[in-house]
Amino acid sequence: MDAAAAEDDDEPRSGKSPRAEGPYDVTEAPTGIAQLDLGALKVPAVEGVEVRVQADNDGKIQQIVLVSQESALQLGVFAAPRSEGIWDEVRAEIRKQLFNDGVAAEEVDGDYGSELRARVRTPDGLTDIRFVGVDGPRWLVRAVFQGPAAVDPSVAPPLLECLRKLVVDRGHEAMPVREPLPLHLPKEVAEAGAEPQADEDGAGEAGANGAAAAGRKPSPRPRRK
């Protein structure tokens, strides 16, 4: 399928049975989960997890990274066609790109099906990464675990809990396949230029300038000047 082709929106977004665990579509998500509303992604408030975002001056988010101890989880969400998932195709392209960069990637079975695991060299030394994809109703969540959690998810259970409680609000508009879904800081945060607090004690914070790129160890969260 042509990645640039737009999909239509003549039918309801969800026709699937409810998921046992997330990421959830907003139409099937359980109630009562404290969340940080970042637009297309509703990030759950989980104790021990810090939410770092990189946003432009208009509050449009470029990157979301969740940090727990020495591990991190980078999140992305993209438009997908109604008729089929795109993770198999995207995973193959990621593997090819890693190979072109001189990095060998191993395909393994994980909680969400086929995943990619690799070890990349960064300014901080060698870092393990794990690419996970979840196909939903007309969306794809791409999750990249970094650090110890990329090898053994049990060392950072709060990050896995975040992924399992993540909610996607796809919206109704037709979008080109693989187009990133819109992410933005909460309106009151963008207007105030402050760092948002998640909905409950122990939840992560979101600093508009803090980020950790895939393949890089998370760095301390910088403050706005």
N, C-alpha and C. Protein backbone atom coordinates (compact mmCIF):
# COMPACT_ATOMS: atom_id res chain seq x y z
N MET A 1 0.83 -1.20 0.00
CA MET A 1 0.00 0.00 0.00
C MET A 1 0.87 1.25 0.00
N ASP A 2 0.47 2.24 -0.78
CA ASP A 2 1.21 3.49 -0.86
C ASP A 2 1.12 4.22 0.47
N ALA A 3 2.31 4.51 1.05
CA ALA A 3 2.33 5.14 2.38
C ALA A 3 1.73 6.52 2.36
N ALA A 4 1.69 7.15 1.19
CA ALA A 4 1.18 8.52 1.11
C ALA A 4 -0.31 8.57 0.85
N ALA A 5 -0.93 7.39 0.62
CA ALA A 5 -2.35 7.37 0.29
C ALA A 5 -3.18 7.71 1.51
N ALA A 6 -4.19 8.53 1.33
CA ALA A 6 -5.07 8.89 2.43
C ALA A 6 -6.17 7.86 2.55
N GLU A 7 -6.57 7.56 3.79
CA GLU A 7 -7.66 6.63 4.00
C GLU A 7 -8.92 7.41 4.28
N ASP A 8 -10.09 6.78 3.98
CA ASP A 8 -11.35 7.50 4.13
C ASP A 8 -11.84 7.38 5.56
N ASP A 9 -12.96 8.02 5.82
CA ASP A 9 -13.51 8.04 7.18
C ASP A 9 -15.03 7.98 7.13
N ASP A 10 -15.55 7.05 6.32
CA ASP A 10 -16.99 6.96 6.15
C ASP A 10 -17.65 6.08 7.19
N GLU A 11 -16.86 5.30 7.96
CA GLU A 11 -17.41 4.36 8.92
C GLU A 11 -16.89 4.68 10.31
N PRO A 12 -17.54 4.14 11.33
CA PRO A 12 -17.05 4.36 12.69
C PRO A 12 -15.63 3.87 12.84
N ARG A 13 -14.91 4.47 13.78
CA ARG A 13 -13.52 4.14 13.98
C ARG A 13 -13.32 2.75 14.54
N SER A 14 -14.19 2.31 15.39
CA SER A 14 -13.97 1.06 16.09
C SER A 14 -15.08 0.08 15.77
N GLY A 15 -14.71 -1.14 15.44
CA GLY A 15 -15.67 -2.21 15.29
C GLY A 15 -15.11 -3.45 15.94
N LYS A 16 -13.99 -3.32 16.61
CA LYS A 16 -13.32 -4.45 17.22
C LYS A 16 -13.82 -4.66 18.64
N SER A 17 -13.64 -5.89 19.12
CA SER A 17 -14.00 -6.16 20.50
C SER A 17 -13.03 -5.43 21.42
N PRO A 18 -13.46 -5.09 22.64
CA PRO A 18 -12.58 -4.37 23.56
C PRO A 18 -11.29 -5.13 23.84
N ARG A 19 -10.19 -4.41 23.98
CA ARG A 19 -8.90 -5.01 24.26
C ARG A 19 -8.81 -5.37 25.73
N ALA A 20 -8.06 -6.45 26.00
CA ALA A 20 -7.83 -6.83 27.38
C ALA A 20 -6.88 -5.86 28.05
N GLU A 21 -5.97 -5.27 27.27
CA GLU A 21 -5.04 -4.27 27.77
C GLU A 21 -4.66 -3.35 26.63
N GLY A 22 -4.15 -2.16 26.98
CA GLY A 22 -3.82 -1.17 25.96
C GLY A 22 -2.47 -1.42 25.31
N PRO A 23 -2.15 -0.52 24.37
CA PRO A 23 -2.84 0.74 24.09
C PRO A 23 -4.29 0.54 23.63
N TYR A 24 -5.15 1.40 24.14
CA TYR A 24 -6.57 1.35 23.83
C TYR A 24 -6.94 2.44 22.84
N ASP A 25 -7.94 2.16 22.01
CA ASP A 25 -8.59 3.23 21.28
C ASP A 25 -9.49 3.96 22.26
N VAL A 26 -9.69 5.26 22.04
CA VAL A 26 -10.48 6.05 22.97
C VAL A 26 -11.91 5.52 23.08
N THR A 27 -12.38 4.81 22.05
CA THR A 27 -13.75 4.29 22.06
C THR A 27 -13.88 3.04 22.92
N GLU A 28 -12.77 2.42 23.32
CA GLU A 28 -12.83 1.19 24.08
C GLU A 28 -12.03 1.25 25.38
N ALA A 29 -11.50 2.42 25.71
CA ALA A 29 -10.66 2.55 26.89
C ALA A 29 -11.49 2.45 28.16
N PRO A 30 -10.94 1.80 29.18
CA PRO A 30 -11.64 1.77 30.47
C PRO A 30 -11.65 3.16 31.10
N THR A 31 -12.59 3.38 31.96
CA THR A 31 -12.69 4.68 32.64
C THR A 31 -11.87 4.67 33.93
N GLY A 32 -11.64 5.87 34.45
CA GLY A 32 -11.00 5.98 35.75
C GLY A 32 -9.49 5.97 35.73
N ILE A 33 -8.86 6.08 34.54
CA ILE A 33 -7.40 6.12 34.45
C ILE A 33 -6.96 7.58 34.47
N ALA A 34 -6.16 7.96 35.47
CA ALA A 34 -5.63 9.33 35.51
C ALA A 34 -4.66 9.51 34.36
N GLN A 35 -4.80 10.59 33.60
CA GLN A 35 -4.05 10.76 32.36
C GLN A 35 -3.52 12.17 32.20
N LEU A 36 -2.45 12.28 31.42
CA LEU A 36 -1.96 13.55 30.91
C LEU A 36 -2.41 13.63 29.46
N ASP A 37 -3.29 14.58 29.15
CA ASP A 37 -3.89 14.68 27.82
C ASP A 37 -2.94 15.43 26.89
N LEU A 38 -2.35 14.69 25.94
CA LEU A 38 -1.43 15.28 24.97
C LEU A 38 -1.99 15.24 23.56
N GLY A 39 -3.31 15.26 23.45
CA GLY A 39 -3.94 15.24 22.13
C GLY A 39 -4.26 13.83 21.69
N ALA A 40 -3.59 13.35 20.67
CA ALA A 40 -3.86 12.01 20.15
C ALA A 40 -3.46 10.92 21.14
N LEU A 41 -2.58 11.23 22.08
CA LEU A 41 -2.18 10.26 23.11
C LEU A 41 -2.59 10.77 24.48
N LYS A 42 -3.20 9.90 25.25
CA LYS A 42 -3.51 10.16 26.65
C LYS A 42 -2.56 9.28 27.46
N VAL A 43 -1.57 9.92 28.09
CA VAL A 43 -0.52 9.18 28.79
C VAL A 43 -0.94 8.95 30.23
N PRO A 44 -0.97 7.69 30.68
CA PRO A 44 -1.42 7.42 32.04
C PRO A 44 -0.44 7.94 33.08
N ALA A 45 -0.98 8.31 34.22
CA ALA A 45 -0.16 8.74 35.35
C ALA A 45 0.25 7.50 36.12
N VAL A 46 1.53 7.19 36.09
CA VAL A 46 2.05 6.00 36.76
C VAL A 46 3.16 6.41 37.70
N GLU A 47 3.09 5.96 38.92
CA GLU A 47 4.09 6.31 39.92
C GLU A 47 5.48 5.87 39.48
N GLY A 48 6.45 6.75 39.64
CA GLY A 48 7.82 6.43 39.29
C GLY A 48 8.19 6.71 37.85
N VAL A 49 7.26 7.28 37.08
CA VAL A 49 7.52 7.58 35.66
C VAL A 49 7.49 9.09 35.44
N GLU A 50 8.52 9.61 34.82
CA GLU A 50 8.59 11.02 34.45
C GLU A 50 8.29 11.15 32.96
N VAL A 51 7.41 12.06 32.60
CA VAL A 51 7.06 12.31 31.21
C VAL A 51 7.85 13.51 30.71
N ARG A 52 8.65 13.30 29.67
CA ARG A 52 9.41 14.39 29.07
C ARG A 52 8.91 14.60 27.65
N VAL A 53 8.67 15.83 27.29
CA VAL A 53 8.23 16.12 25.92
C VAL A 53 9.12 17.20 25.32
N GLN A 54 9.21 17.17 24.00
CA GLN A 54 9.89 18.23 23.24
C GLN A 54 8.82 18.89 22.40
N ALA A 55 8.61 20.18 22.61
CA ALA A 55 7.54 20.88 21.91
C ALA A 55 8.06 22.18 21.33
N ASP A 56 7.39 22.65 20.26
CA ASP A 56 7.77 23.93 19.68
C ASP A 56 7.09 25.06 20.42
N ASN A 57 7.29 26.28 19.96
CA ASN A 57 6.74 27.45 20.65
C ASN A 57 5.22 27.50 20.63
N ASP A 58 4.60 26.77 19.71
CA ASP A 58 3.14 26.73 19.63
C ASP A 58 2.54 25.61 20.47
N GLY A 59 3.41 24.86 21.16
CA GLY A 59 2.93 23.77 21.99
C GLY A 59 2.75 22.47 21.25
N LYS A 60 3.14 22.41 19.96
CA LYS A 60 3.04 21.17 19.20
C LYS A 60 4.18 20.25 19.60
N ILE A 61 3.84 19.05 20.01
CA ILE A 61 4.83 18.12 20.54
C ILE A 61 5.54 17.38 19.40
N GLN A 62 6.86 17.35 19.48
CA GLN A 62 7.68 16.64 18.52
C GLN A 62 8.08 15.26 19.03
N GLN A 63 8.14 15.09 20.35
CA GLN A 63 8.64 13.85 20.90
C GLN A 63 8.12 13.66 22.33
N ILE A 64 7.78 12.41 22.67
CA ILE A 64 7.36 12.06 24.02
C ILE A 64 8.25 10.93 24.51
N VAL A 65 8.86 11.10 25.68
CA VAL A 65 9.70 10.07 26.27
C VAL A 65 9.30 9.91 27.73
N LEU A 66 9.05 8.67 28.13
CA LEU A 66 8.77 8.34 29.52
C LEU A 66 10.02 7.74 30.13
N VAL A 67 10.37 8.16 31.33
CA VAL A 67 11.62 7.73 31.96
C VAL A 67 11.34 7.11 33.32
N SER A 68 11.93 5.94 33.55
CA SER A 68 11.85 5.27 34.84
C SER A 68 13.23 4.71 35.17
N GLN A 69 13.87 5.30 36.15
CA GLN A 69 15.23 4.93 36.55
C GLN A 69 16.16 5.01 35.34
N GLU A 70 16.82 3.91 34.97
CA GLU A 70 17.79 3.93 33.88
C GLU A 70 17.17 3.57 32.53
N SER A 71 15.87 3.38 32.47
CA SER A 71 15.20 2.98 31.24
C SER A 71 14.28 4.08 30.74
N ALA A 72 13.98 4.05 29.46
CA ALA A 72 13.10 5.05 28.85
C ALA A 72 12.20 4.39 27.82
N LEU A 73 11.09 5.04 27.53
CA LEU A 73 10.13 4.58 26.53
C LEU A 73 9.72 5.77 25.69
N GLN A 74 10.08 5.72 24.41
CA GLN A 74 9.70 6.78 23.47
C GLN A 74 8.44 6.37 22.74
N LEU A 75 7.46 7.27 22.66
CA LEU A 75 6.17 6.96 22.07
C LEU A 75 5.92 7.78 20.81
N GLY A 76 5.32 7.14 19.81
CA GLY A 76 4.86 7.81 18.60
C GLY A 76 3.56 7.18 18.16
N VAL A 77 2.69 7.95 17.51
CA VAL A 77 1.41 7.42 17.04
C VAL A 77 1.14 7.97 15.65
N PHE A 78 0.66 7.07 14.75
CA PHE A 78 0.55 7.40 13.33
C PHE A 78 -0.78 6.92 12.77
N ALA A 79 -1.23 7.58 11.72
CA ALA A 79 -2.44 7.17 11.02
C ALA A 79 -2.18 5.87 10.26
N ALA A 80 -3.20 5.02 10.20
CA ALA A 80 -3.10 3.74 9.50
C ALA A 80 -4.40 3.50 8.75
N PRO A 81 -4.39 2.62 7.74
CA PRO A 81 -5.62 2.34 7.00
C PRO A 81 -6.60 1.51 7.81
N ARG A 82 -7.85 1.55 7.41
CA ARG A 82 -8.87 0.80 8.11
C ARG A 82 -8.73 -0.70 7.89
N SER A 83 -8.28 -1.08 6.71
CA SER A 83 -8.36 -2.47 6.28
C SER A 83 -7.25 -3.37 6.83
N GLU A 84 -6.12 -2.80 7.22
CA GLU A 84 -5.00 -3.65 7.64
C GLU A 84 -4.04 -2.86 8.52
N GLY A 85 -3.28 -3.59 9.33
CA GLY A 85 -2.25 -2.97 10.13
C GLY A 85 -1.00 -2.70 9.30
N ILE A 86 -0.13 -1.84 9.81
CA ILE A 86 1.07 -1.48 9.04
C ILE A 86 2.35 -1.78 9.81
N TRP A 87 2.27 -2.39 11.01
CA TRP A 87 3.47 -2.62 11.79
C TRP A 87 4.45 -3.55 11.08
N ASP A 88 3.97 -4.58 10.39
CA ASP A 88 4.88 -5.49 9.69
C ASP A 88 5.73 -4.73 8.68
N GLU A 89 5.09 -3.85 7.93
CA GLU A 89 5.79 -3.06 6.92
C GLU A 89 6.74 -2.06 7.56
N VAL A 90 6.27 -1.38 8.59
CA VAL A 90 7.11 -0.39 9.27
C VAL A 90 8.30 -1.07 9.93
N ARG A 91 8.06 -2.23 10.54
CA ARG A 91 9.16 -2.95 11.21
C ARG A 91 10.25 -3.34 10.22
N ALA A 92 9.84 -3.79 9.04
CA ALA A 92 10.82 -4.16 8.01
C ALA A 92 11.65 -2.96 7.59
N GLU A 93 11.03 -1.80 7.50
CA GLU A 93 11.76 -0.59 7.11
C GLU A 93 12.73 -0.14 8.21
N ILE A 94 12.30 -0.27 9.47
CA ILE A 94 13.20 0.07 10.57
C ILE A 94 14.42 -0.84 10.56
N ARG A 95 14.17 -2.12 10.34
CA ARG A 95 15.28 -3.09 10.32
C ARG A 95 16.25 -2.78 9.18
N LYS A 96 15.71 -2.41 8.03
CA LYS A 96 16.56 -2.07 6.89
C LYS A 96 17.38 -0.82 7.18
N GLN A 97 16.76 0.18 7.82
CA GLN A 97 17.47 1.41 8.15
C GLN A 97 18.58 1.14 9.15
N LEU A 98 18.31 0.31 10.14
CA LEU A 98 19.35 -0.05 11.10
C LEU A 98 20.50 -0.76 10.41
N PHE A 99 20.18 -1.66 9.49
CA PHE A 99 21.21 -2.38 8.75
C PHE A 99 22.07 -1.40 7.95
N ASN A 100 21.41 -0.44 7.30
CA ASN A 100 22.16 0.56 6.52
C ASN A 100 23.07 1.40 7.42
N ASP A 101 22.70 1.52 8.69
CA ASP A 101 23.52 2.26 9.65
C ASP A 101 24.56 1.37 10.32
N GLY A 102 24.64 0.13 9.86
CA GLY A 102 25.63 -0.79 10.42
C GLY A 102 25.22 -1.44 11.72
N VAL A 103 23.90 -1.48 11.99
CA VAL A 103 23.40 -2.06 13.23
C VAL A 103 22.60 -3.32 12.90
N ALA A 104 22.95 -4.42 13.52
CA ALA A 104 22.22 -5.67 13.33
C ALA A 104 21.03 -5.70 14.28
N ALA A 105 19.84 -5.96 13.75
CA ALA A 105 18.62 -6.03 14.56
C ALA A 105 18.10 -7.46 14.58
N GLU A 106 17.65 -7.89 15.73
CA GLU A 106 17.10 -9.23 15.89
C GLU A 106 15.59 -9.15 16.04
N GLU A 107 14.86 -9.97 15.30
CA GLU A 107 13.41 -10.00 15.41
C GLU A 107 13.01 -11.07 16.42
N VAL A 108 12.23 -10.68 17.41
CA VAL A 108 11.83 -11.59 18.49
C VAL A 108 10.34 -11.45 18.74
N ASP A 109 9.79 -12.45 19.42
CA ASP A 109 8.38 -12.40 19.83
C ASP A 109 8.27 -11.74 21.19
N GLY A 110 7.34 -10.80 21.30
CA GLY A 110 7.10 -10.12 22.57
C GLY A 110 5.64 -10.13 22.92
N ASP A 111 5.27 -9.35 23.93
CA ASP A 111 3.89 -9.30 24.38
C ASP A 111 2.93 -8.82 23.30
N TYR A 112 3.44 -8.01 22.36
CA TYR A 112 2.60 -7.46 21.30
C TYR A 112 2.91 -8.05 19.93
N GLY A 113 3.55 -9.21 19.91
CA GLY A 113 3.90 -9.83 18.63
C GLY A 113 5.35 -9.62 18.29
N SER A 114 5.64 -9.49 17.00
CA SER A 114 7.02 -9.36 16.54
C SER A 114 7.60 -8.00 16.92
N GLU A 115 8.82 -8.04 17.49
CA GLU A 115 9.53 -6.83 17.89
C GLU A 115 10.93 -6.85 17.29
N LEU A 116 11.59 -5.72 17.33
CA LEU A 116 12.98 -5.62 16.91
C LEU A 116 13.83 -5.23 18.10
N ARG A 117 14.97 -5.90 18.28
CA ARG A 117 15.92 -5.54 19.33
C ARG A 117 17.28 -5.32 18.71
N ALA A 118 17.96 -4.31 19.20
CA ALA A 118 19.28 -3.97 18.66
C ALA A 118 20.09 -3.29 19.73
N ARG A 119 21.38 -3.15 19.46
CA ARG A 119 22.28 -2.41 20.35
C ARG A 119 22.97 -1.37 19.50
N VAL A 120 22.85 -0.11 19.91
CA VAL A 120 23.39 1.00 19.12
C VAL A 120 24.44 1.74 19.94
N ARG A 121 25.35 2.36 19.22
CA ARG A 121 26.39 3.14 19.87
C ARG A 121 25.94 4.59 19.97
N THR A 122 26.06 5.17 21.14
CA THR A 122 25.68 6.54 21.40
C THR A 122 26.85 7.27 22.05
N PRO A 123 26.75 8.59 22.21
CA PRO A 123 27.82 9.32 22.91
C PRO A 123 28.07 8.81 24.33
N ASP A 124 27.04 8.14 24.90
CA ASP A 124 27.18 7.61 26.25
C ASP A 124 27.65 6.16 26.27
N GLY A 125 27.91 5.60 25.08
CA GLY A 125 28.30 4.19 24.99
C GLY A 125 27.23 3.37 24.33
N LEU A 126 27.34 2.04 24.42
CA LEU A 126 26.37 1.14 23.81
C LEU A 126 25.06 1.16 24.58
N THR A 127 23.95 1.22 23.85
CA THR A 127 22.63 1.25 24.45
C THR A 127 21.72 0.26 23.74
N ASP A 128 20.99 -0.53 24.52
CA ASP A 128 20.02 -1.47 23.95
C ASP A 128 18.72 -0.75 23.64
N ILE A 129 18.10 -1.10 22.51
CA ILE A 129 16.80 -0.55 22.14
C ILE A 129 15.89 -1.67 21.67
N ARG A 130 14.60 -1.48 21.86
CA ARG A 130 13.60 -2.47 21.45
C ARG A 130 12.41 -1.74 20.84
N PHE A 131 12.09 -2.08 19.60
CA PHE A 131 10.98 -1.46 18.88
C PHE A 131 9.74 -2.34 19.00
N VAL A 132 8.66 -1.77 19.49
CA VAL A 132 7.38 -2.47 19.64
C VAL A 132 6.33 -1.71 18.84
N GLY A 133 5.50 -2.43 18.11
CA GLY A 133 4.42 -1.80 17.36
C GLY A 133 3.08 -2.39 17.73
N VAL A 134 2.07 -1.54 17.85
CA VAL A 134 0.72 -1.98 18.16
C VAL A 134 -0.23 -1.37 17.15
N ASP A 135 -0.85 -2.23 16.34
CA ASP A 135 -1.84 -1.78 15.36
C ASP A 135 -3.20 -1.67 16.03
N GLY A 136 -3.84 -0.51 15.89
CA GLY A 136 -5.17 -0.29 16.43
C GLY A 136 -6.14 0.08 15.33
N PRO A 137 -7.34 0.52 15.68
CA PRO A 137 -8.34 0.94 14.69
C PRO A 137 -7.89 2.22 13.97
N ARG A 138 -7.23 2.05 12.84
CA ARG A 138 -6.77 3.16 12.01
C ARG A 138 -5.64 3.95 12.65
N TRP A 139 -4.86 3.30 13.51
CA TRP A 139 -3.67 3.93 14.07
C TRP A 139 -2.60 2.89 14.37
N LEU A 140 -1.39 3.37 14.48
CA LEU A 140 -0.25 2.55 14.89
C LEU A 140 0.48 3.27 16.01
N VAL A 141 0.68 2.60 17.13
CA VAL A 141 1.56 3.10 18.18
C VAL A 141 2.92 2.44 18.01
N ARG A 142 3.95 3.28 17.94
CA ARG A 142 5.33 2.77 17.90
C ARG A 142 5.99 3.13 19.23
N ALA A 143 6.43 2.10 19.94
CA ALA A 143 7.05 2.29 21.25
C ALA A 143 8.49 1.80 21.17
N VAL A 144 9.42 2.62 21.64
CA VAL A 144 10.84 2.27 21.60
C VAL A 144 11.37 2.26 23.03
N PHE A 145 11.64 1.06 23.55
CA PHE A 145 12.24 0.94 24.87
C PHE A 145 13.75 1.13 24.75
N GLN A 146 14.34 1.82 25.72
CA GLN A 146 15.77 2.10 25.72
C GLN A 146 16.36 1.73 27.07
N GLY A 147 17.59 1.25 27.05
CA GLY A 147 18.25 0.91 28.30
C GLY A 147 17.91 -0.50 28.76
N PRO A 148 18.02 -0.78 30.06
CA PRO A 148 17.79 -2.13 30.57
C PRO A 148 16.43 -2.72 30.19
N ALA A 149 15.39 -1.89 30.11
CA ALA A 149 14.05 -2.40 29.77
C ALA A 149 13.97 -2.92 28.35
N ALA A 150 14.92 -2.55 27.50
CA ALA A 150 14.93 -3.06 26.13
C ALA A 150 15.33 -4.52 26.09
N VAL A 151 16.03 -4.97 27.11
CA VAL A 151 16.47 -6.36 27.18
C VAL A 151 15.54 -7.18 28.07
N ASP A 152 15.15 -6.60 29.19
CA ASP A 152 14.30 -7.30 30.15
C ASP A 152 13.21 -6.34 30.63
N PRO A 153 11.99 -6.45 30.08
CA PRO A 153 10.92 -5.52 30.46
C PRO A 153 10.61 -5.53 31.95
N SER A 154 10.93 -6.62 32.63
CA SER A 154 10.58 -6.72 34.04
C SER A 154 11.39 -5.77 34.92
N VAL A 155 12.50 -5.22 34.39
CA VAL A 155 13.30 -4.31 35.21
C VAL A 155 12.67 -2.92 35.30
N ALA A 156 11.72 -2.62 34.43
CA ALA A 156 11.05 -1.31 34.46
C ALA A 156 9.55 -1.51 34.27
N PRO A 157 8.89 -2.21 35.20
CA PRO A 157 7.45 -2.46 35.05
C PRO A 157 6.59 -1.20 34.93
N PRO A 158 6.98 -0.05 35.53
CA PRO A 158 6.14 1.14 35.34
C PRO A 158 6.02 1.57 33.87
N LEU A 159 7.10 1.37 33.07
CA LEU A 159 7.03 1.74 31.66
C LEU A 159 6.07 0.82 30.91
N LEU A 160 6.11 -0.46 31.22
CA LEU A 160 5.19 -1.39 30.58
C LEU A 160 3.76 -1.08 30.99
N GLU A 161 3.56 -0.68 32.23
CA GLU A 161 2.23 -0.29 32.68
C GLU A 161 1.72 0.92 31.90
N CYS A 162 2.61 1.87 31.63
CA CYS A 162 2.23 3.04 30.83
C CYS A 162 1.75 2.64 29.45
N LEU A 163 2.47 1.71 28.82
CA LEU A 163 2.08 1.26 27.48
C LEU A 163 0.74 0.54 27.54
N ARG A 164 0.52 -0.25 28.56
CA ARG A 164 -0.71 -1.03 28.68
C ARG A 164 -1.92 -0.17 29.02
N LYS A 165 -1.68 1.03 29.55
CA LYS A 165 -2.79 1.92 29.89
C LYS A 165 -2.89 3.12 28.94
N LEU A 166 -2.03 3.15 27.92
CA LEU A 166 -2.04 4.26 26.97
C LEU A 166 -3.35 4.29 26.18
N VAL A 167 -3.86 5.49 25.89
CA VAL A 167 -5.10 5.65 25.14
C VAL A 167 -4.82 6.50 23.90
N VAL A 168 -5.34 6.06 22.76
CA VAL A 168 -5.18 6.78 21.49
C VAL A 168 -6.51 7.39 21.08
N ASP A 169 -6.49 8.70 20.82
CA ASP A 169 -7.66 9.40 20.30
C ASP A 169 -7.38 9.74 18.84
N ARG A 170 -7.78 8.88 17.95
CA ARG A 170 -7.45 8.98 16.52
C ARG A 170 -8.10 10.20 15.85
N GLY A 171 -9.27 10.58 16.33
CA GLY A 171 -10.00 11.64 15.65
C GLY A 171 -10.75 11.09 14.44
N HIS A 172 -11.56 11.93 13.82
CA HIS A 172 -12.40 11.48 12.72
C HIS A 172 -11.88 11.90 11.35
N GLU A 173 -10.90 12.78 11.29
CA GLU A 173 -10.45 13.29 10.00
C GLU A 173 -9.64 12.25 9.24
N ALA A 174 -9.84 12.22 7.91
CA ALA A 174 -9.00 11.38 7.07
C ALA A 174 -7.59 11.95 7.03
N MET A 175 -6.59 11.08 7.13
CA MET A 175 -5.19 11.51 7.13
C MET A 175 -4.38 10.56 6.28
N PRO A 176 -3.28 11.03 5.69
CA PRO A 176 -2.41 10.13 4.95
C PRO A 176 -1.88 9.03 5.86
N VAL A 177 -1.79 7.83 5.34
CA VAL A 177 -1.23 6.71 6.09
C VAL A 177 0.19 7.05 6.53
N ARG A 178 0.50 6.77 7.78
CA ARG A 178 1.79 7.02 8.44
C ARG A 178 1.99 8.47 8.86
N GLU A 179 1.02 9.31 8.62
CA GLU A 179 1.12 10.69 9.10
C GLU A 179 1.07 10.68 10.63
N PRO A 180 1.99 11.37 11.30
CA PRO A 180 1.91 11.43 12.77
C PRO A 180 0.60 12.07 13.21
N LEU A 181 -0.06 11.48 14.17
CA LEU A 181 -1.28 12.08 14.70
C LEU A 181 -0.91 13.29 15.55
N PRO A 182 -1.76 14.30 15.59
CA PRO A 182 -1.41 15.56 16.27
C PRO A 182 -1.26 15.40 17.77
N LEU A 183 -0.13 15.88 18.27
CA LEU A 183 0.18 15.87 19.70
C LEU A 183 0.45 17.30 20.14
N HIS A 184 -0.05 17.69 21.29
CA HIS A 184 0.16 19.06 21.75
C HIS A 184 0.10 19.10 23.26
N LEU A 185 0.74 20.11 23.83
CA LEU A 185 0.67 20.33 25.26
C LEU A 185 -0.75 20.75 25.64
N PRO A 186 -1.18 20.43 26.85
CA PRO A 186 -2.48 20.95 27.30
C PRO A 186 -2.53 22.46 27.12
N LYS A 187 -3.69 22.98 26.73
CA LYS A 187 -3.81 24.40 26.38
C LYS A 187 -3.32 25.32 27.48
N GLU A 188 -3.69 25.01 28.71
CA GLU A 188 -3.31 25.90 29.81
C GLU A 188 -1.79 25.89 30.03
N VAL A 189 -1.17 24.76 29.72
CA VAL A 189 0.29 24.66 29.88
C VAL A 189 0.99 25.44 28.77
N ALA A 190 0.52 25.27 27.53
CA ALA A 190 1.13 25.98 26.41
C ALA A 190 1.02 27.49 26.59
N GLU A 191 -0.13 27.94 27.08
CA GLU A 191 -0.34 29.38 27.25
C GLU A 191 0.51 29.94 28.39
N ALA A 192 0.69 29.13 29.43
CA ALA A 192 1.42 29.60 30.60
C ALA A 192 2.92 29.39 30.45
N GLY A 193 3.32 28.51 29.52
CA GLY A 193 4.73 28.21 29.36
C GLY A 193 5.29 27.48 30.57
N ALA A 194 4.43 26.72 31.25
CA ALA A 194 4.83 26.02 32.47
C ALA A 194 4.92 24.53 32.21
N GLU A 195 5.37 23.80 33.23
CA GLU A 195 5.49 22.35 33.14
C GLU A 195 4.25 21.72 33.74
N PRO A 196 3.51 20.90 32.95
CA PRO A 196 2.27 20.33 33.45
C PRO A 196 2.52 19.23 34.46
N GLN A 197 1.61 19.12 35.43
CA GLN A 197 1.64 18.00 36.36
C GLN A 197 0.59 17.01 35.92
N ALA A 198 0.91 15.72 35.99
CA ALA A 198 -0.08 14.71 35.67
C ALA A 198 -1.14 14.69 36.77
N ASP A 199 -2.15 13.82 36.59
CA ASP A 199 -3.35 13.93 37.37
C ASP A 199 -3.29 13.38 38.79
N GLU A 200 -2.18 12.73 39.17
CA GLU A 200 -2.14 12.19 40.50
C GLU A 200 -0.72 12.23 41.04
N ASP A 201 -0.58 12.14 42.35
CA ASP A 201 0.75 12.16 42.96
C ASP A 201 1.58 11.01 42.44
N GLY A 202 2.88 11.27 42.24
CA GLY A 202 3.78 10.24 41.76
C GLY A 202 3.80 10.12 40.26
N ALA A 203 2.95 10.88 39.55
CA ALA A 203 2.92 10.79 38.10
C ALA A 203 4.05 11.61 37.52
N GLY A 204 4.24 11.43 36.21
CA GLY A 204 5.34 12.14 35.57
C GLY A 204 5.03 13.60 35.35
N GLU A 205 6.09 14.37 35.06
CA GLU A 205 5.96 15.76 34.67
C GLU A 205 6.30 15.85 33.20
N ALA A 206 5.89 16.94 32.54
CA ALA A 206 6.24 17.16 31.15
C ALA A 206 6.90 18.51 31.01
N GLY A 207 8.17 18.53 30.72
CA GLY A 207 8.87 19.77 30.47
C GLY A 207 8.96 20.00 28.99
N ALA A 208 8.62 21.19 28.52
CA ALA A 208 8.48 21.43 27.09
C ALA A 208 9.78 21.32 26.33
N ASN A 209 10.91 21.39 26.99
CA ASN A 209 12.18 21.31 26.28
C ASN A 209 12.92 20.00 26.51
N GLY A 210 12.45 19.16 27.42
CA GLY A 210 13.19 17.93 27.75
C GLY A 210 12.86 16.83 26.77
N ALA A 211 13.88 16.03 26.35
CA ALA A 211 13.65 14.92 25.45
C ALA A 211 14.80 13.96 25.51
N ALA A 212 14.52 12.72 25.15
CA ALA A 212 15.58 11.73 24.99
C ALA A 212 15.31 11.01 23.69
N ALA A 213 16.21 11.10 22.74
CA ALA A 213 16.01 10.49 21.43
C ALA A 213 16.21 8.99 21.51
N ALA A 214 15.59 8.25 20.58
CA ALA A 214 15.77 6.81 20.54
C ALA A 214 17.24 6.50 20.37
N GLY A 215 17.71 5.58 21.20
CA GLY A 215 19.12 5.23 21.11
C GLY A 215 20.01 6.10 21.97
N ARG A 216 19.45 7.01 22.72
CA ARG A 216 20.21 7.84 23.65
C ARG A 216 19.70 7.61 25.06
N LYS A 217 20.59 7.61 26.01
CA LYS A 217 20.16 7.50 27.38
C LYS A 217 19.45 8.77 27.80
N PRO A 218 18.41 8.64 28.63
CA PRO A 218 17.70 9.84 29.06
C PRO A 218 18.59 10.75 29.85
N SER A 219 18.50 12.03 29.57
CA SER A 219 19.30 13.02 30.27
C SER A 219 18.44 13.76 31.27
N PRO A 220 19.03 14.45 32.24
CA PRO A 220 18.22 15.20 33.19
C PRO A 220 17.31 16.20 32.49
N ARG A 221 16.12 16.40 33.04
CA ARG A 221 15.12 17.26 32.40
C ARG A 221 15.49 18.71 32.55
N PRO A 222 15.78 19.42 31.45
CA PRO A 222 16.12 20.84 31.55
C PRO A 222 14.90 21.69 31.86
N ARG A 223 15.14 22.84 32.41
CA ARG A 223 14.07 23.79 32.72
C ARG A 223 13.95 24.84 31.64
N ARG A 224 12.76 25.40 31.52
CA ARG A 224 12.58 26.55 30.64
C ARG A 224 13.35 27.74 31.20
N LYS A 225 13.92 28.54 30.34
CA LYS A 225 14.58 29.75 30.79
C LYS A 225 13.58 30.89 30.93
